[in-house]
N, C-alpha and C. Protein backbone atom coordinates (compact mmCIF):
# COMPACT_ATOMS: atom_id res chain seq x y z
N MET A 1 0.84 -1.21 0.00
CA MET A 1 0.00 0.00 0.00
C MET A 1 0.87 1.26 0.00
N GLN A 2 1.93 1.24 0.82
CA GLN A 2 2.83 2.40 0.88
C GLN A 2 3.48 2.64 -0.48
N GLY A 3 3.87 1.56 -1.15
CA GLY A 3 4.49 1.69 -2.47
C GLY A 3 3.54 2.28 -3.48
N LEU A 4 2.29 1.86 -3.44
CA LEU A 4 1.28 2.39 -4.36
C LEU A 4 1.06 3.87 -4.12
N ARG A 5 0.98 4.26 -2.85
CA ARG A 5 0.77 5.67 -2.50
C ARG A 5 1.94 6.52 -3.00
N GLU A 6 3.15 6.01 -2.83
CA GLU A 6 4.33 6.76 -3.29
C GLU A 6 4.34 6.91 -4.81
N ARG A 7 3.95 5.85 -5.50
CA ARG A 7 3.90 5.91 -6.98
C ARG A 7 2.85 6.92 -7.43
N GLN A 8 1.72 6.95 -6.75
CA GLN A 8 0.67 7.91 -7.09
C GLN A 8 1.15 9.34 -6.86
N LYS A 9 1.86 9.55 -5.76
CA LYS A 9 2.41 10.89 -5.48
C LYS A 9 3.43 11.29 -6.53
N GLN A 10 4.27 10.34 -6.94
CA GLN A 10 5.28 10.62 -7.95
C GLN A 10 4.64 10.95 -9.29
N ARG A 11 3.59 10.20 -9.64
CA ARG A 11 2.89 10.49 -10.91
C ARG A 11 2.23 11.86 -10.87
N ARG A 12 1.65 12.21 -9.72
CA ARG A 12 1.02 13.53 -9.60
C ARG A 12 2.06 14.65 -9.69
N ARG A 13 3.19 14.45 -9.02
CA ARG A 13 4.26 15.45 -9.10
C ARG A 13 4.75 15.62 -10.54
N GLU A 14 4.89 14.49 -11.23
CA GLU A 14 5.31 14.53 -12.63
C GLU A 14 4.29 15.28 -13.49
N ARG A 15 3.00 15.04 -13.24
CA ARG A 15 1.95 15.73 -14.01
C ARG A 15 1.99 17.23 -13.74
N ILE A 16 2.18 17.60 -12.49
CA ILE A 16 2.28 19.03 -12.15
C ILE A 16 3.47 19.66 -12.86
N LEU A 17 4.60 18.97 -12.82
CA LEU A 17 5.81 19.48 -13.47
C LEU A 17 5.59 19.70 -14.96
N ARG A 18 5.10 18.67 -15.65
CA ARG A 18 4.90 18.77 -17.11
C ARG A 18 3.90 19.86 -17.46
N THR A 19 2.83 19.93 -16.69
CA THR A 19 1.81 20.95 -16.94
C THR A 19 2.38 22.35 -16.73
N ALA A 20 3.13 22.53 -15.65
CA ALA A 20 3.71 23.84 -15.35
C ALA A 20 4.67 24.28 -16.45
N VAL A 21 5.55 23.38 -16.88
CA VAL A 21 6.53 23.73 -17.91
C VAL A 21 5.82 24.11 -19.20
N GLU A 22 4.77 23.37 -19.55
CA GLU A 22 4.00 23.70 -20.75
C GLU A 22 3.39 25.09 -20.65
N LEU A 23 2.85 25.41 -19.48
CA LEU A 23 2.26 26.74 -19.28
C LEU A 23 3.33 27.83 -19.32
N PHE A 24 4.48 27.57 -18.70
CA PHE A 24 5.56 28.56 -18.71
C PHE A 24 5.97 28.87 -20.16
N LYS A 25 6.03 27.84 -20.98
CA LYS A 25 6.44 28.03 -22.38
C LYS A 25 5.37 28.74 -23.19
N GLU A 26 4.13 28.46 -22.89
CA GLU A 26 3.02 29.06 -23.63
C GLU A 26 2.76 30.51 -23.20
N ARG A 27 2.71 30.74 -21.89
CA ARG A 27 2.27 32.04 -21.38
C ARG A 27 3.40 32.92 -20.86
N GLY A 28 4.52 32.29 -20.54
CA GLY A 28 5.61 33.00 -19.87
C GLY A 28 5.60 32.66 -18.40
N PHE A 29 6.78 32.64 -17.81
CA PHE A 29 6.91 32.26 -16.39
C PHE A 29 6.20 33.27 -15.49
N GLN A 30 6.45 34.55 -15.72
CA GLN A 30 5.87 35.59 -14.87
C GLN A 30 4.35 35.58 -14.92
N GLN A 31 3.81 35.31 -16.12
CA GLN A 31 2.36 35.38 -16.31
C GLN A 31 1.63 34.15 -15.78
N THR A 32 2.35 33.09 -15.48
CA THR A 32 1.72 31.85 -15.01
C THR A 32 1.72 31.83 -13.49
N THR A 33 0.56 31.63 -12.90
CA THR A 33 0.45 31.59 -11.44
C THR A 33 0.35 30.15 -10.95
N ALA A 34 0.54 29.98 -9.66
CA ALA A 34 0.36 28.66 -9.05
C ALA A 34 -1.07 28.18 -9.27
N MET A 35 -2.02 29.10 -9.23
CA MET A 35 -3.42 28.72 -9.46
C MET A 35 -3.62 28.22 -10.88
N ASP A 36 -2.96 28.85 -11.85
CA ASP A 36 -3.04 28.39 -13.24
C ASP A 36 -2.54 26.96 -13.36
N ILE A 37 -1.42 26.69 -12.71
CA ILE A 37 -0.82 25.35 -12.78
C ILE A 37 -1.74 24.34 -12.11
N ALA A 38 -2.25 24.70 -10.93
CA ALA A 38 -3.15 23.79 -10.21
C ALA A 38 -4.38 23.46 -11.04
N LYS A 39 -4.99 24.49 -11.63
CA LYS A 39 -6.21 24.29 -12.42
C LYS A 39 -5.95 23.39 -13.61
N ALA A 40 -4.86 23.65 -14.33
CA ALA A 40 -4.53 22.84 -15.51
C ALA A 40 -4.12 21.42 -15.12
N SER A 41 -3.64 21.24 -13.88
CA SER A 41 -3.24 19.91 -13.40
C SER A 41 -4.39 19.17 -12.73
N HIS A 42 -5.56 19.84 -12.62
CA HIS A 42 -6.76 19.26 -12.00
C HIS A 42 -6.54 18.95 -10.52
N ILE A 43 -5.89 19.89 -9.85
CA ILE A 43 -5.69 19.78 -8.41
C ILE A 43 -6.02 21.12 -7.78
N SER A 44 -6.09 21.15 -6.45
CA SER A 44 -6.33 22.42 -5.77
C SER A 44 -5.03 23.20 -5.64
N ARG A 45 -5.14 24.50 -5.39
CA ARG A 45 -3.95 25.32 -5.18
C ARG A 45 -3.16 24.80 -3.98
N GLY A 46 -3.88 24.38 -2.94
CA GLY A 46 -3.22 23.84 -1.75
C GLY A 46 -2.42 22.59 -2.07
N THR A 47 -2.97 21.74 -2.93
CA THR A 47 -2.25 20.52 -3.31
C THR A 47 -0.98 20.87 -4.07
N PHE A 48 -1.06 21.90 -4.93
CA PHE A 48 0.16 22.33 -5.64
C PHE A 48 1.25 22.66 -4.63
N PHE A 49 0.90 23.42 -3.60
CA PHE A 49 1.91 23.83 -2.61
C PHE A 49 2.36 22.69 -1.72
N ASN A 50 1.60 21.59 -1.69
CA ASN A 50 2.08 20.40 -0.99
C ASN A 50 3.27 19.77 -1.74
N TYR A 51 3.28 19.96 -3.05
CA TYR A 51 4.34 19.37 -3.87
C TYR A 51 5.47 20.37 -4.15
N TYR A 52 5.11 21.63 -4.31
CA TYR A 52 6.09 22.67 -4.61
C TYR A 52 5.82 23.88 -3.73
N SER A 53 6.79 24.21 -2.88
CA SER A 53 6.58 25.30 -1.91
C SER A 53 6.48 26.66 -2.57
N TYR A 54 7.07 26.80 -3.77
CA TYR A 54 7.01 28.06 -4.52
C TYR A 54 7.17 27.73 -6.00
N LYS A 55 6.71 28.63 -6.83
CA LYS A 55 6.65 28.36 -8.28
C LYS A 55 8.02 28.04 -8.86
N GLU A 56 9.05 28.72 -8.40
CA GLU A 56 10.40 28.49 -8.93
C GLU A 56 10.91 27.08 -8.65
N ALA A 57 10.35 26.43 -7.63
CA ALA A 57 10.78 25.06 -7.31
C ALA A 57 10.46 24.11 -8.46
N VAL A 58 9.41 24.42 -9.23
CA VAL A 58 9.11 23.60 -10.41
C VAL A 58 10.26 23.71 -11.41
N LEU A 59 10.78 24.93 -11.58
CA LEU A 59 11.91 25.13 -12.49
C LEU A 59 13.13 24.34 -12.03
N LEU A 60 13.33 24.24 -10.71
CA LEU A 60 14.46 23.49 -10.21
C LEU A 60 14.37 22.02 -10.63
N ASP A 61 13.18 21.45 -10.54
CA ASP A 61 13.00 20.06 -10.98
C ASP A 61 13.28 19.91 -12.47
N TYR A 62 12.78 20.86 -13.26
CA TYR A 62 12.98 20.79 -14.70
C TYR A 62 14.45 21.01 -15.05
N GLY A 63 15.07 21.99 -14.42
CA GLY A 63 16.48 22.23 -14.64
C GLY A 63 17.32 21.03 -14.25
N ALA A 64 16.95 20.36 -13.15
CA ALA A 64 17.67 19.17 -12.71
C ALA A 64 17.59 18.06 -13.75
N GLU A 65 16.44 17.91 -14.37
CA GLU A 65 16.28 16.91 -15.43
C GLU A 65 17.23 17.17 -16.59
N LEU A 66 17.28 18.43 -17.02
CA LEU A 66 18.13 18.80 -18.14
C LEU A 66 19.61 18.61 -17.79
N LEU A 67 19.97 18.99 -16.56
CA LEU A 67 21.36 18.82 -16.12
C LEU A 67 21.73 17.35 -16.08
N GLU A 68 20.83 16.50 -15.59
CA GLU A 68 21.10 15.06 -15.52
C GLU A 68 21.26 14.46 -16.91
N LEU A 69 20.50 14.96 -17.87
CA LEU A 69 20.63 14.48 -19.25
C LEU A 69 22.03 14.79 -19.78
N ALA A 70 22.47 16.03 -19.61
CA ALA A 70 23.80 16.43 -20.08
C ALA A 70 24.89 15.68 -19.32
N TRP A 71 24.72 15.51 -18.02
CA TRP A 71 25.72 14.81 -17.22
C TRP A 71 25.83 13.34 -17.62
N GLY A 72 24.70 12.70 -17.90
CA GLY A 72 24.72 11.30 -18.32
C GLY A 72 25.56 11.13 -19.58
N GLU A 73 25.43 12.06 -20.51
CA GLU A 73 26.22 12.00 -21.74
C GLU A 73 27.70 12.24 -21.46
N ALA A 74 28.00 13.19 -20.57
CA ALA A 74 29.39 13.50 -20.22
C ALA A 74 30.04 12.32 -19.51
N LYS A 75 29.31 11.71 -18.59
CA LYS A 75 29.85 10.57 -17.84
C LYS A 75 30.17 9.41 -18.78
N ALA A 76 29.27 9.17 -19.72
CA ALA A 76 29.51 8.10 -20.70
C ALA A 76 30.75 8.39 -21.53
N ALA A 77 30.95 9.66 -21.89
CA ALA A 77 32.13 10.04 -22.67
C ALA A 77 33.41 9.83 -21.86
N LEU A 78 33.38 10.17 -20.58
CA LEU A 78 34.54 9.94 -19.71
C LEU A 78 34.88 8.45 -19.65
N GLU A 79 33.84 7.63 -19.51
CA GLU A 79 34.04 6.18 -19.42
C GLU A 79 34.60 5.60 -20.71
N ARG A 80 34.33 6.26 -21.84
CA ARG A 80 34.88 5.81 -23.13
C ARG A 80 36.31 6.29 -23.33
N GLY A 81 36.80 7.11 -22.40
CA GLY A 81 38.17 7.58 -22.51
C GLY A 81 38.34 8.88 -23.27
N VAL A 82 37.26 9.61 -23.49
CA VAL A 82 37.37 10.92 -24.15
C VAL A 82 38.14 11.85 -23.22
N PRO A 83 39.09 12.63 -23.73
CA PRO A 83 39.87 13.53 -22.87
C PRO A 83 38.98 14.47 -22.05
N PRO A 84 39.29 14.68 -20.76
CA PRO A 84 38.43 15.48 -19.88
C PRO A 84 38.13 16.89 -20.39
N VAL A 85 39.11 17.59 -20.96
CA VAL A 85 38.84 18.95 -21.44
C VAL A 85 37.81 18.90 -22.57
N GLU A 86 37.92 17.91 -23.43
CA GLU A 86 36.94 17.75 -24.52
C GLU A 86 35.56 17.43 -23.95
N VAL A 87 35.53 16.58 -22.92
CA VAL A 87 34.25 16.24 -22.27
C VAL A 87 33.63 17.49 -21.67
N LEU A 88 34.45 18.30 -20.98
CA LEU A 88 33.93 19.52 -20.36
C LEU A 88 33.39 20.48 -21.40
N GLU A 89 34.10 20.64 -22.50
CA GLU A 89 33.64 21.55 -23.56
C GLU A 89 32.33 21.06 -24.17
N THR A 90 32.21 19.75 -24.37
CA THR A 90 30.98 19.18 -24.92
C THR A 90 29.83 19.31 -23.92
N PHE A 91 30.12 19.04 -22.65
CA PHE A 91 29.13 19.18 -21.57
C PHE A 91 28.61 20.61 -21.52
N TRP A 92 29.53 21.55 -21.60
CA TRP A 92 29.22 22.99 -21.58
C TRP A 92 28.30 23.35 -22.74
N SER A 93 28.67 22.86 -23.94
CA SER A 93 27.87 23.15 -25.14
C SER A 93 26.48 22.53 -25.05
N ARG A 94 26.43 21.31 -24.51
CA ARG A 94 25.14 20.62 -24.37
C ARG A 94 24.24 21.36 -23.38
N LEU A 95 24.81 21.84 -22.29
CA LEU A 95 24.03 22.62 -21.33
C LEU A 95 23.49 23.89 -21.98
N ALA A 96 24.32 24.53 -22.79
CA ALA A 96 23.87 25.74 -23.48
C ALA A 96 22.71 25.43 -24.42
N GLU A 97 22.85 24.34 -25.17
CA GLU A 97 21.80 23.95 -26.12
C GLU A 97 20.49 23.65 -25.40
N LEU A 98 20.56 22.83 -24.36
CA LEU A 98 19.34 22.47 -23.61
C LEU A 98 18.72 23.68 -22.94
N SER A 99 19.57 24.54 -22.37
CA SER A 99 19.06 25.72 -21.67
C SER A 99 18.35 26.66 -22.62
N GLU A 100 18.98 26.91 -23.77
CA GLU A 100 18.41 27.86 -24.72
C GLU A 100 17.13 27.30 -25.35
N ARG A 101 17.16 26.00 -25.68
CA ARG A 101 16.01 25.39 -26.35
C ARG A 101 14.85 25.10 -25.41
N GLU A 102 15.16 24.55 -24.24
CA GLU A 102 14.10 24.08 -23.34
C GLU A 102 13.64 25.13 -22.33
N LEU A 103 14.52 26.05 -21.97
CA LEU A 103 14.17 27.04 -20.96
C LEU A 103 13.97 28.44 -21.53
N GLY A 104 14.86 28.85 -22.43
CA GLY A 104 14.76 30.20 -22.95
C GLY A 104 15.21 31.22 -21.91
N ARG A 105 15.25 32.48 -22.33
CA ARG A 105 15.80 33.52 -21.47
C ARG A 105 15.04 33.70 -20.16
N GLU A 106 13.72 33.73 -20.24
CA GLU A 106 12.96 34.04 -19.02
C GLU A 106 13.07 32.94 -17.98
N MET A 107 12.79 31.71 -18.37
CA MET A 107 12.86 30.62 -17.39
C MET A 107 14.29 30.43 -16.88
N LEU A 108 15.26 30.54 -17.79
CA LEU A 108 16.65 30.34 -17.38
C LEU A 108 17.11 31.41 -16.40
N SER A 109 16.69 32.64 -16.62
CA SER A 109 17.10 33.70 -15.70
C SER A 109 16.49 33.49 -14.31
N HIS A 110 15.24 33.04 -14.25
CA HIS A 110 14.62 32.75 -12.95
C HIS A 110 15.29 31.56 -12.27
N LEU A 111 15.65 30.55 -13.06
CA LEU A 111 16.33 29.39 -12.51
C LEU A 111 17.70 29.79 -11.95
N ALA A 112 18.45 30.57 -12.72
CA ALA A 112 19.77 31.01 -12.28
C ALA A 112 19.66 31.87 -11.02
N TYR A 113 18.64 32.72 -10.96
CA TYR A 113 18.47 33.59 -9.80
C TYR A 113 18.29 32.78 -8.52
N GLU A 114 17.65 31.62 -8.63
CA GLU A 114 17.45 30.80 -7.44
C GLU A 114 18.77 30.42 -6.79
N LEU A 115 19.83 30.30 -7.59
CA LEU A 115 21.14 29.95 -7.04
C LEU A 115 21.77 31.08 -6.24
N VAL A 116 21.30 32.30 -6.47
CA VAL A 116 21.81 33.45 -5.71
C VAL A 116 20.69 34.12 -4.91
N ASN A 117 19.64 33.38 -4.67
CA ASN A 117 18.49 33.92 -3.95
C ASN A 117 18.93 34.39 -2.56
N PRO A 118 18.50 35.59 -2.14
CA PRO A 118 18.89 36.08 -0.80
C PRO A 118 18.34 35.23 0.34
N ASP A 119 17.31 34.43 0.06
CA ASP A 119 16.81 33.50 1.07
C ASP A 119 17.74 32.29 1.07
N PRO A 120 18.52 32.09 2.15
CA PRO A 120 19.52 31.01 2.15
C PRO A 120 18.93 29.62 1.95
N GLU A 121 17.72 29.40 2.43
CA GLU A 121 17.09 28.09 2.26
C GLU A 121 16.80 27.82 0.79
N ARG A 122 16.33 28.85 0.09
CA ARG A 122 16.04 28.66 -1.34
C ARG A 122 17.32 28.52 -2.15
N ALA A 123 18.34 29.29 -1.81
CA ALA A 123 19.62 29.16 -2.51
C ALA A 123 20.20 27.76 -2.28
N HIS A 124 20.10 27.27 -1.06
CA HIS A 124 20.61 25.93 -0.75
C HIS A 124 19.84 24.87 -1.53
N ALA A 125 18.52 25.02 -1.59
CA ALA A 125 17.69 24.07 -2.35
C ALA A 125 18.10 24.06 -3.82
N ALA A 126 18.42 25.22 -4.37
CA ALA A 126 18.84 25.32 -5.76
C ALA A 126 20.17 24.60 -5.98
N TYR A 127 21.13 24.82 -5.08
CA TYR A 127 22.43 24.16 -5.20
C TYR A 127 22.31 22.65 -5.04
N GLU A 128 21.39 22.21 -4.19
CA GLU A 128 21.16 20.78 -4.03
C GLU A 128 20.55 20.18 -5.29
N ALA A 129 19.61 20.90 -5.89
CA ALA A 129 18.91 20.40 -7.08
C ALA A 129 19.79 20.43 -8.32
N LEU A 130 20.73 21.38 -8.37
CA LEU A 130 21.55 21.59 -9.57
C LEU A 130 23.04 21.46 -9.22
N PRO A 131 23.53 20.23 -9.03
CA PRO A 131 24.91 20.04 -8.57
C PRO A 131 25.94 20.18 -9.70
N LEU A 132 25.89 21.28 -10.41
CA LEU A 132 26.78 21.50 -11.56
C LEU A 132 28.25 21.40 -11.16
N ALA A 133 28.63 22.03 -10.05
CA ALA A 133 30.04 22.02 -9.63
C ALA A 133 30.53 20.60 -9.35
N GLN A 134 29.66 19.76 -8.79
CA GLN A 134 30.06 18.37 -8.51
C GLN A 134 30.36 17.62 -9.80
N TYR A 135 29.55 17.85 -10.82
CA TYR A 135 29.77 17.16 -12.09
C TYR A 135 31.04 17.68 -12.78
N ILE A 136 31.27 18.98 -12.68
CA ILE A 136 32.50 19.55 -13.25
C ILE A 136 33.72 18.97 -12.54
N ALA A 137 33.63 18.81 -11.22
CA ALA A 137 34.74 18.21 -10.46
C ALA A 137 35.02 16.79 -10.94
N GLU A 138 33.97 16.03 -11.22
CA GLU A 138 34.17 14.66 -11.70
C GLU A 138 34.85 14.64 -13.06
N ILE A 139 34.52 15.61 -13.90
CA ILE A 139 35.15 15.70 -15.22
C ILE A 139 36.63 16.07 -15.08
N LEU A 140 36.92 16.98 -14.15
CA LEU A 140 38.29 17.46 -13.97
C LEU A 140 39.18 16.51 -13.16
N ARG A 141 38.58 15.59 -12.42
CA ARG A 141 39.35 14.74 -11.51
C ARG A 141 40.52 14.02 -12.19
N PRO A 142 40.33 13.44 -13.39
CA PRO A 142 41.48 12.78 -14.03
C PRO A 142 42.63 13.75 -14.33
N LEU A 143 42.30 15.01 -14.62
CA LEU A 143 43.36 16.01 -14.85
C LEU A 143 44.10 16.30 -13.56
N MET A 144 43.38 16.37 -12.45
CA MET A 144 44.01 16.59 -11.15
C MET A 144 44.94 15.43 -10.82
N GLN A 145 44.47 14.21 -11.05
CA GLN A 145 45.27 13.02 -10.75
C GLN A 145 46.52 12.95 -11.62
N ALA A 146 46.43 13.49 -12.83
CA ALA A 146 47.57 13.48 -13.75
C ALA A 146 48.49 14.68 -13.56
N GLY A 147 48.18 15.55 -12.59
CA GLY A 147 49.00 16.73 -12.33
C GLY A 147 48.86 17.81 -13.39
N ARG A 148 47.72 17.81 -14.08
CA ARG A 148 47.52 18.79 -15.15
C ARG A 148 46.68 19.99 -14.72
N LEU A 149 46.31 20.04 -13.43
CA LEU A 149 45.63 21.21 -12.88
C LEU A 149 46.57 21.89 -11.89
N ARG A 150 46.37 23.17 -11.69
CA ARG A 150 47.20 23.88 -10.72
C ARG A 150 47.02 23.25 -9.34
N SER A 151 48.08 23.26 -8.56
CA SER A 151 48.08 22.54 -7.29
C SER A 151 47.79 23.43 -6.08
N ASP A 152 47.69 24.74 -6.30
CA ASP A 152 47.48 25.64 -5.16
C ASP A 152 46.00 25.85 -4.84
N LEU A 153 45.12 25.24 -5.64
CA LEU A 153 43.68 25.32 -5.38
C LEU A 153 43.11 23.92 -5.32
N SER A 154 42.08 23.74 -4.50
CA SER A 154 41.45 22.42 -4.41
C SER A 154 40.60 22.18 -5.67
N LEU A 155 40.34 20.91 -5.92
CA LEU A 155 39.48 20.55 -7.05
C LEU A 155 38.10 21.18 -6.90
N ASP A 156 37.56 21.15 -5.68
CA ASP A 156 36.24 21.73 -5.43
C ASP A 156 36.23 23.22 -5.73
N ARG A 157 37.30 23.93 -5.32
CA ARG A 157 37.36 25.37 -5.55
C ARG A 157 37.37 25.66 -7.06
N MET A 158 38.14 24.90 -7.82
CA MET A 158 38.21 25.12 -9.26
C MET A 158 36.88 24.78 -9.93
N ALA A 159 36.27 23.67 -9.51
CA ALA A 159 34.98 23.28 -10.10
C ALA A 159 33.91 24.31 -9.79
N ASN A 160 33.91 24.82 -8.56
CA ASN A 160 32.94 25.86 -8.19
C ASN A 160 33.17 27.14 -8.99
N SER A 161 34.41 27.48 -9.25
CA SER A 161 34.71 28.68 -10.05
C SER A 161 34.17 28.55 -11.47
N ILE A 162 34.32 27.35 -12.04
CA ILE A 162 33.81 27.11 -13.39
C ILE A 162 32.27 27.16 -13.38
N ALA A 163 31.66 26.55 -12.36
CA ALA A 163 30.20 26.60 -12.25
C ALA A 163 29.71 28.04 -12.07
N ASP A 164 30.45 28.82 -11.28
CA ASP A 164 30.08 30.23 -11.10
C ASP A 164 30.17 30.99 -12.42
N ALA A 165 31.16 30.65 -13.24
CA ALA A 165 31.28 31.29 -14.56
C ALA A 165 30.07 30.97 -15.41
N PHE A 166 29.58 29.73 -15.30
CA PHE A 166 28.36 29.35 -16.04
C PHE A 166 27.19 30.22 -15.60
N LEU A 167 27.04 30.36 -14.29
CA LEU A 167 25.94 31.16 -13.74
C LEU A 167 26.02 32.61 -14.20
N LEU A 168 27.21 33.19 -14.13
CA LEU A 168 27.38 34.58 -14.54
C LEU A 168 27.10 34.76 -16.03
N ALA A 169 27.57 33.81 -16.84
CA ALA A 169 27.32 33.89 -18.28
C ALA A 169 25.83 33.82 -18.59
N VAL A 170 25.13 32.93 -17.87
CA VAL A 170 23.68 32.79 -18.08
C VAL A 170 22.95 34.08 -17.71
N LEU A 171 23.29 34.65 -16.54
CA LEU A 171 22.62 35.87 -16.11
C LEU A 171 22.89 37.03 -17.07
N ARG A 172 24.12 37.13 -17.53
CA ARG A 172 24.46 38.19 -18.47
C ARG A 172 23.73 37.99 -19.80
N TRP A 173 23.73 36.75 -20.28
CA TRP A 173 23.06 36.45 -21.55
C TRP A 173 21.56 36.74 -21.46
N ALA A 174 20.94 36.31 -20.36
CA ALA A 174 19.49 36.48 -20.22
C ALA A 174 19.08 37.94 -20.11
N GLY A 175 19.94 38.75 -19.49
CA GLY A 175 19.54 40.13 -19.25
C GLY A 175 20.15 41.19 -20.13
N HIS A 176 21.31 40.89 -20.75
CA HIS A 176 22.03 41.99 -21.40
C HIS A 176 22.51 41.74 -22.82
N THR A 177 22.41 40.50 -23.32
CA THR A 177 22.95 40.24 -24.66
C THR A 177 21.92 39.50 -25.53
N PRO A 178 20.81 40.17 -25.84
CA PRO A 178 19.74 39.51 -26.59
C PRO A 178 20.14 39.10 -28.00
N ASP A 179 21.21 39.70 -28.53
CA ASP A 179 21.61 39.41 -29.90
C ASP A 179 22.66 38.31 -30.00
N ARG A 180 23.06 37.72 -28.88
CA ARG A 180 24.11 36.69 -28.90
C ARG A 180 23.56 35.35 -28.47
N SER A 181 24.22 34.28 -28.92
CA SER A 181 23.81 32.94 -28.52
C SER A 181 24.38 32.62 -27.15
N LEU A 182 23.65 31.81 -26.39
CA LEU A 182 24.14 31.39 -25.08
C LEU A 182 25.40 30.55 -25.24
N ALA A 183 25.43 29.68 -26.25
CA ALA A 183 26.60 28.82 -26.46
C ALA A 183 27.87 29.66 -26.66
N GLY A 184 27.76 30.72 -27.45
CA GLY A 184 28.91 31.57 -27.69
C GLY A 184 29.39 32.27 -26.44
N GLU A 185 28.44 32.78 -25.65
CA GLU A 185 28.80 33.46 -24.41
C GLU A 185 29.46 32.49 -23.41
N LEU A 186 28.89 31.29 -23.31
CA LEU A 186 29.44 30.31 -22.38
C LEU A 186 30.84 29.87 -22.79
N GLN A 187 31.06 29.73 -24.09
CA GLN A 187 32.37 29.30 -24.56
C GLN A 187 33.45 30.31 -24.20
N LYS A 188 33.11 31.60 -24.30
CA LYS A 188 34.08 32.64 -23.92
C LYS A 188 34.46 32.51 -22.44
N PHE A 189 33.45 32.34 -21.59
CA PHE A 189 33.71 32.21 -20.15
C PHE A 189 34.53 30.96 -19.86
N LEU A 190 34.19 29.84 -20.51
CA LEU A 190 34.91 28.60 -20.25
C LEU A 190 36.38 28.72 -20.65
N THR A 191 36.63 29.34 -21.78
CA THR A 191 38.00 29.51 -22.25
C THR A 191 38.83 30.28 -21.23
N VAL A 192 38.26 31.36 -20.71
CA VAL A 192 38.98 32.19 -19.74
C VAL A 192 39.22 31.41 -18.44
N VAL A 193 38.21 30.70 -17.95
CA VAL A 193 38.36 29.99 -16.68
C VAL A 193 39.32 28.83 -16.82
N LEU A 194 39.26 28.09 -17.93
CA LEU A 194 40.19 26.98 -18.11
C LEU A 194 41.64 27.44 -18.11
N GLU A 195 41.88 28.62 -18.66
CA GLU A 195 43.23 29.18 -18.64
C GLU A 195 43.72 29.34 -17.20
N GLY A 196 42.78 29.60 -16.31
CA GLY A 196 43.15 29.83 -14.90
C GLY A 196 43.33 28.58 -14.09
N VAL A 197 42.75 27.42 -14.53
CA VAL A 197 42.84 26.22 -13.70
C VAL A 197 43.86 25.20 -14.23
N LEU A 198 44.17 25.26 -15.51
CA LEU A 198 45.13 24.29 -16.04
C LEU A 198 46.55 24.65 -15.60
N ALA A 199 47.31 23.62 -15.28
CA ALA A 199 48.69 23.83 -14.82
C ALA A 199 49.55 24.33 -15.97
N ARG A 200 50.48 25.22 -15.66
CA ARG A 200 51.41 25.71 -16.67
C ARG A 200 52.46 24.64 -16.94
N PRO A 201 52.79 24.40 -18.24
CA PRO A 201 53.80 23.37 -18.55
C PRO A 201 55.16 23.73 -17.98
């Protein structure tokens, strides 16, 4: 019985998520309310808040899905022996593609803002849902083991710096560079940051 109840809850959460994302894409994130999502999902507003404490939490689930998709591809490439820098560049490009295609400027800017939300609980929830720095650390780990990364910084510090560059590039792209592609902006940031973490020959 407990298993059935959990499966029902998971299916309902999935339905809310899919419905919300569809509405965000159709109407815009700002224009879509929790009540709109609840009505389209055939649940009460209170039930919506039982599953998602705030509207942006839906974006965290969706963003986590997209990140996991890109990470799964990157992990498989690492296991095939693709060089880590190439894996990171491909991972970066894939994230740009998924973000631009599936989220667009408005949703992506709201998602990125959650990572710097002044409410520490919400910022923590965002970092938990979107472990970008952890995945970057896994990609860089073989370089660290081979002595190809600078030794005066920890792997976590370097991975977090690269993840922060991603966040900054996204925020700048969403708010200030409407005529440029996200992939192009991200590539510039990655090039600069990689110069700072790779060991000098």
